[in-house]
Amino acid sequence: MVLRKDIPSARIGRSIQREKIMTRKLITLFDIIWKGFIFQCRKFLHEIYECDFSL
């Protein structure tokens, strides 16, 4: 594979890779927040109704 500076595809590929990494980080962050939120809700409902909700 020959990398030449006059071909912008390598640069485009790199920026796409960076976007993919950022998207994955955002998804992971959202996932952590969502799981924490569900856990807190379950705990809250468990305290109120004194029974286990499996979401």
Protein backbone atom coordinates (compact mmCIF):
# COMPACT_ATOMS: atom_id res chain seq x y z
CA MET A 1 0.00 0.00 0.00
CA VAL A 2 1.46 3.35 -1.07
CA LEU A 3 0.55 6.45 0.90
CA ARG A 4 0.87 9.66 -1.09
CA LYS A 5 0.17 13.10 0.28
CA ASP A 6 -1.67 14.23 -2.85
CA ILE A 7 -4.44 11.67 -2.19
CA PRO A 8 -6.89 13.06 0.39
CA SER A 9 -8.57 9.67 0.98
CA ALA A 10 -6.15 8.82 3.80
CA ARG A 11 -7.03 12.09 5.54
CA ILE A 12 -10.75 11.45 5.03
CA GLY A 13 -10.33 7.92 6.36
CA ARG A 14 -8.59 9.25 9.44
CA SER A 15 -11.34 11.80 10.15
CA ILE A 16 -13.99 9.09 9.68
CA GLN A 17 -12.06 6.88 12.13
CA ARG A 18 -11.97 9.78 14.62
CA GLU A 19 -15.73 10.28 14.24
CA LYS A 20 -16.33 6.56 14.79
CA ILE A 21 -14.26 6.67 18.00
CA MET A 22 -16.15 9.75 19.23
CA THR A 23 -19.49 8.13 18.42
CA ARG A 24 -18.47 4.98 20.28
CA LYS A 25 -17.41 7.08 23.30
CA LEU A 26 -20.73 8.95 23.27
CA ILE A 27 -22.71 5.70 23.00
CA THR A 28 -20.71 4.21 25.89
CA LEU A 29 -21.26 7.33 27.99
CA PHE A 30 -25.00 7.32 27.22
CA ASP A 31 -25.15 3.61 28.05
CA ILE A 32 -23.47 4.18 31.44
CA ILE A 33 -25.82 7.09 32.24
CA TRP A 34 -28.89 5.11 31.13
CA LYS A 35 -27.92 2.04 33.19
CA GLY A 36 -27.25 4.26 36.21
CA PHE A 37 -30.63 5.95 35.71
CA ILE A 38 -32.47 2.61 35.51
CA PHE A 39 -30.59 1.37 38.58
CA GLN A 40 -31.57 4.49 40.54
CA CYS A 41 -35.22 4.15 39.42
CA ARG A 42 -35.30 0.51 40.48
CA LYS A 43 -33.80 1.42 43.85
CA PHE A 44 -36.30 4.27 44.27
CA LEU A 45 -39.31 2.11 43.34
CA HIS A 46 -38.00 -0.68 45.55
CA GLU A 47 -37.86 1.73 48.51
CA ILE A 48 -41.39 3.02 47.85
CA TYR A 49 -43.21 -0.21 47.08
CA GLU A 50 -40.85 -2.61 48.86
CA CYS A 51 -40.89 -5.03 45.97
CA ASP A 52 -38.47 -5.84 43.18
CA PHE A 53 -39.05 -4.38 39.72
CA SER A 54 -37.03 -6.10 37.03
CA LEU A 55 -36.76 -3.64 34.14
